[in-house]
Every structure is written in C-alpha cells, then in structure tokens.
C-alpha atoms as a PDB file:
ATOM      1  CA  MET A   1       6.043  -7.693  14.546  1.00  0.00           C
ATOM      2  CA  PRO A   2       5.897  -3.687  14.209  1.00  0.00           C
ATOM      3  CA  ARG A   3       5.177  -2.310  10.390  1.00  0.00           C
ATOM      4  CA  ILE A   4       7.714  -2.221   8.581  1.00  0.00           C
ATOM      5  CA  LYS A   5       8.639   1.679   8.019  1.00  0.00           C
ATOM      6  CA  ASP A   6      10.246   1.741   4.600  1.00  0.00           C
ATOM      7  CA  ILE A   7       7.254  -0.287   2.730  1.00  0.00           C
ATOM      8  CA  GLU A   8       4.503   1.492   5.176  1.00  0.00           C
ATOM      9  CA  GLU A   9       5.648   4.961   2.981  1.00  0.00           C
ATOM     10  CA  ARG A  10       6.455   2.818  -0.328  1.00  0.00           C
ATOM     11  CA  LEU A  11       2.480   2.218   0.186  1.00  0.00           C
ATOM     12  CA  LYS A  12       1.913   5.896   1.030  1.00  0.00           C
ATOM     13  CA  ARG A  13       3.600   6.446  -2.196  1.00  0.00           C
ATOM     14  CA  TRP A  14       2.471   3.926  -4.591  1.00  0.00           C
ATOM     15  CA  GLN A  15      -1.769   5.140  -2.807  1.00  0.00           C
ATOM     16  CA  THR A  16      -0.886   8.499  -4.340  1.00  0.00           C
ATOM     17  CA  TRP A  17       0.250   7.311  -7.662  1.00  0.00           C
ATOM     18  CA  TYR A  18      -2.714   4.437  -7.985  1.00  0.00           C
ATOM     19  CA  PHE A  19      -4.965   7.625  -7.256  1.00  0.00           C
ATOM     20  CA  THR A  20      -2.941  10.978  -9.118  1.00  0.00           C
ATOM     21  CA  VAL A  21      -1.254   8.831 -12.040  1.00  0.00           C
ATOM     22  CA  ALA A  22      -2.948   5.117 -12.405  1.00  0.00           C
ATOM     23  CA  GLN A  23      -6.607   5.872 -12.596  1.00  0.00           C
ATOM     24  CA  GLY A  24      -6.154   8.698 -14.864  1.00  0.00           C
ATOM     25  CA  GLY A  25      -8.791  11.269 -13.093  1.00  0.00           C
ATOM     26  CA  ALA A  26     -11.460   8.370 -12.742  1.00  0.00           C
ATOM     27  CA  VAL A  27     -11.560   8.023  -8.969  1.00  0.00           C
ATOM     28  CA  LYS A  28     -12.296  10.497  -6.552  1.00  0.00           C
ATOM     29  CA  SER A  29      -8.341  11.595  -5.804  1.00  0.00           C
ATOM     30  CA  PRO A  30      -8.539  11.749  -1.615  1.00  0.00           C
ATOM     31  CA  ARG A  31      -6.494  14.969  -0.314  1.00  0.00           C
ATOM     32  CA  MET A  32      -5.577  14.080   3.054  1.00  0.00           C
ATOM     33  CA  CYS A  33      -5.917  10.583   4.065  1.00  0.00           C
ATOM     34  CA  VAL A  34      -3.687   6.906   5.191  1.00  0.00           C
ATOM     35  CA  LYS A  35      -5.104   6.644   8.683  1.00  0.00           C
ATOM     36  CA  VAL A  36      -3.063   3.447   8.785  1.00  0.00           C
ATOM     37  CA  ASP A  37      -1.366   4.959  12.007  1.00  0.00           C
ATOM     38  CA  GLY A  38      -3.922   7.028  13.335  1.00  0.00           C
ATOM     39  CA  THR A  39      -3.425  10.378  11.175  1.00  0.00           C
ATOM     40  CA  PRO A  40      -4.549  11.591   8.473  1.00  0.00           C
ATOM     41  CA  VAL A  41      -1.693  12.610   5.519  1.00  0.00           C
ATOM     42  CA  ALA A  42      -1.400  15.307   3.312  1.00  0.00           C
ATOM     43  CA  MET A  43      -0.582  13.246   0.003  1.00  0.00           C
ATOM     44  CA  ALA A  44       2.033  14.650  -2.507  1.00  0.00           C
ATOM     45  CA  PRO A  45       2.064  14.719  -6.200  1.00  0.00           C
ATOM     46  CA  VAL A  46       3.820  11.459  -8.238  1.00  0.00           C
ATOM     47  CA  ALA A  47       6.090  11.326 -11.365  1.00  0.00           C
ATOM     48  CA  ALA A  48       3.762  10.248 -13.837  1.00  0.00           C
ATOM     49  CA  GLY A  49       5.614   7.177 -14.979  1.00  0.00           C
ATOM     50  CA  SER A  50       7.340   6.177 -11.263  1.00  0.00           C
ATOM     51  CA  GLU A  51       9.675   2.711 -11.673  1.00  0.00           C
ATOM     52  CA  GLU A  52       8.743   2.473  -7.456  1.00  0.00           C
ATOM     53  CA  ALA A  53       4.974   2.956  -7.989  1.00  0.00           C
ATOM     54  CA  LEU A  54       4.445   0.574 -10.929  1.00  0.00           C
ATOM     55  CA  GLU A  55       7.509  -2.372  -9.352  1.00  0.00           C
ATOM     56  CA  THR A  56       4.825  -1.524  -6.050  1.00  0.00           C
ATOM     57  CA  ASP A  57       1.872  -2.388  -8.138  1.00  0.00           C
ATOM     58  CA  ARG A  58       3.621  -5.246  -9.505  1.00  0.00           C
ATOM     59  CA  ALA A  59       4.562  -6.521  -6.573  1.00  0.00           C
ATOM     60  CA  VAL A  60       1.213  -6.051  -4.561  1.00  0.00           C
ATOM     61  CA  ALA A  61      -0.679  -7.730  -7.459  1.00  0.00           C
ATOM     62  CA  LYS A  62       2.477 -11.167  -6.417  1.00  0.00           C
ATOM     63  CA  LEU A  63       0.579 -11.006  -2.763  1.00  0.00           C
ATOM     64  CA  PRO A  64      -1.469 -13.759  -1.242  1.00  0.00           C
ATOM     65  CA  SER A  65      -4.966 -12.905  -1.998  1.00  0.00           C
ATOM     66  CA  ASP A  66      -6.035 -12.214   1.678  1.00  0.00           C
ATOM     67  CA  LEU A  67      -3.663  -9.652   1.725  1.00  0.00           C
ATOM     68  CA  LYS A  68      -4.271  -7.997  -2.085  1.00  0.00           C
ATOM     69  CA  ALA A  69      -7.600  -7.784  -0.354  1.00  0.00           C
ATOM     70  CA  VAL A  70      -5.820  -5.722   3.056  1.00  0.00           C
ATOM     71  CA  VAL A  71      -4.017  -3.897   0.772  1.00  0.00           C
ATOM     72  CA  LYS A  72      -6.525  -2.705  -1.639  1.00  0.00           C
ATOM     73  CA  VAL A  73      -9.444  -1.296   1.168  1.00  0.00           C
ATOM     74  CA  VAL A  74      -6.926   0.437   3.216  1.00  0.00           C
ATOM     75  CA  TYR A  75      -4.623   1.508   0.452  1.00  0.00           C
ATOM     76  CA  LEU A  76      -7.131   2.212  -2.920  1.00  0.00           C
ATOM     77  CA  ASP A  77     -10.121   3.412  -0.587  1.00  0.00           C
ATOM     78  CA  PRO A  78     -11.195   7.303  -2.096  1.00  0.00           C
ATOM     79  CA  GLU A  79     -13.909   7.452   0.795  1.00  0.00           C
ATOM     80  CA  CYS A  80     -10.726   7.293   3.569  1.00  0.00           C
ATOM     81  CA  ARG A  81     -12.175   5.249   5.998  1.00  0.00           C
ATOM     82  CA  THR A  82     -10.833   4.538   9.255  1.00  0.00           C
ATOM     83  CA  MET A  83      -9.129   1.332  10.273  1.00  0.00           C
ATOM     84  CA  GLU A  84     -11.597   0.717  12.380  1.00  0.00           C
ATOM     85  CA  ASP A  85     -14.055   0.998   9.565  1.00  0.00           C
ATOM     86  CA  ASN A  86     -11.642  -1.128   7.292  1.00  0.00           C
ATOM     87  CA  ALA A  87     -11.918  -4.331   9.535  1.00  0.00           C
ATOM     88  CA  ARG A  88     -15.429  -4.418   9.461  1.00  0.00           C
ATOM     89  CA  LEU A  89     -15.254  -4.478   5.997  1.00  0.00           C
ATOM     90  CA  LEU A  90     -13.150  -6.988   5.580  1.00  0.00           C
ATOM     91  CA  ARG A  91     -15.048  -8.565   9.051  1.00  0.00           C
ATOM     92  CA  MET A  92     -12.260  -8.944  10.626  1.00  0.00           C
ATOM     93  CA  ASN A  93     -11.042  -7.522  14.197  1.00  0.00           C
ATOM     94  CA  ARG A  94      -9.082  -4.956  14.045  1.00  0.00           C
ATOM     95  CA  ARG A  95      -5.928  -6.573  15.590  1.00  0.00           C
ATOM     96  CA  THR A  96      -5.853  -8.703  12.399  1.00  0.00           C
ATOM     97  CA  LEU A  97      -6.083  -6.070  10.400  1.00  0.00           C
ATOM     98  CA  TYR A  98      -3.104  -4.357  11.981  1.00  0.00           C
ATOM     99  CA  ARG A  99      -1.550  -8.220  11.542  1.00  0.00           C
ATOM    100  CA  LYS A 100      -2.108  -8.786   8.339  1.00  0.00           C
ATOM    101  CA  LEU A 101      -0.403  -5.391   7.252  1.00  0.00           C
ATOM    102  CA  GLU A 102       2.708  -6.540   8.922  1.00  0.00           C
ATOM    103  CA  LEU A 103       2.571  -9.905   7.361  1.00  0.00           C
ATOM    104  CA  THR A 104       1.917  -7.629   3.784  1.00  0.00           C
ATOM    105  CA  ASP A 105       4.909  -5.763   5.272  1.00  0.00           C
ATOM    106  CA  LYS A 106       7.531  -8.647   5.490  1.00  0.00           C
ATOM    107  CA  TYR A 107       6.436 -10.191   1.592  1.00  0.00           C
ATOM    108  CA  LEU A 108       6.878  -7.133  -0.086  1.00  0.00           C
ATOM    109  CA  PHE A 109      10.042  -6.678   1.758  1.00  0.00           C
ATOM    110  CA  GLU A 110      10.849  -9.612   0.530  1.00  0.00           C
ATOM    111  CA  TYR A 111      10.074  -9.636  -2.830  1.00  0.00           C
ATOM    112  CA  PHE A 112      12.009  -5.941  -2.869  1.00  0.00           C
ATOM    113  CA  GLU A 113      14.921  -7.548  -1.445  1.00  0.00           C
ATOM    114  CA  GLN A 114      15.128 -10.087  -3.606  1.00  0.00           C
ATOM    115  CA  LYS A 115      14.788  -8.075  -6.671  1.00  0.00           C
ATOM    116  CA  ASP A 116      17.975  -6.110  -5.341  1.00  0.00           C
ATOM    117  CA  SER A 117      19.516  -8.719  -4.948  1.00  0.00           C
ATOM    118  CA  GLN A 118      18.593 -10.103  -8.511  1.00  0.00           C
ATOM    119  CA  ASN A 119      19.490  -6.784  -9.907  1.00  0.00           C
ATOM    120  CA  ALA A 120      22.408  -6.485  -8.451  1.00  0.00           C
ATOM    121  CA  SER A 121      23.773  -9.962 -10.012  1.00  0.00           C
ATOM    122  CA  LEU A 122      23.044  -8.449 -13.330  1.00  0.00           C
ATOM    123  CA  GLU A 123      25.698  -6.294 -12.492  1.00  0.00           C
END
C-alpha cells in the first residue's frame, strides 16, 4: 500500500507548524528537512493558529502508541535524520518503518474522513 499523498503533505505542513508555532522557538527548527521520500524539502512558514495543524495534532495524539512514536521520530526530529537512521532508532528495519507510515496515513485519512462527515451532518 503506497503512502496517501494528501496525508503525507498534511503531516509535512503539521511538522512546519510544530517547529515554527507550537514550539515557539524552543526547539531548533530545521530549514531543509523531511527526508521521508529521500529528498530534502524547504519548510515554509504556516500561519499561527492554523486549524488544519491543530486538527492534525489532535489526530496524531489519538494514534496507537507505536504509530505515534513513528510519527514523532520521522516528523518531529530537529536533527533531520535519514529514514535509515530513523528505522535504527525505532529498532525496526526500513521496510517496517515505511509500512507503519502507510498504516499511519490510513488511520489519519479515516480520522479526517470521519470528522468531515460529522461536520457535514451538523450543517
């Protein structure tokens, strides 16, 4: 199962929000990072209080603990480790790490779909 592109992009935006807004400068912010797909990505600023970022933060908090650990290591690492290093840090092989990222995408996609349908039924 491949990664869900919309969720992957959303996690990258959430990562930028986390380092620029949520941490308030307490954590050094990587300027070129996110080696999830093997290529560094320049991080763009996200407006403070971004509803999407806050909702993503809530969704990540509700993930099973093993998937939450993967997200934190991959996306909230100020050291910009490679996926190989991330896998080693998590004590798993790289293939397992990618599978866990795919499963994370699935959980988050379902969470956001459910939230969207709840919001639609309220209108």
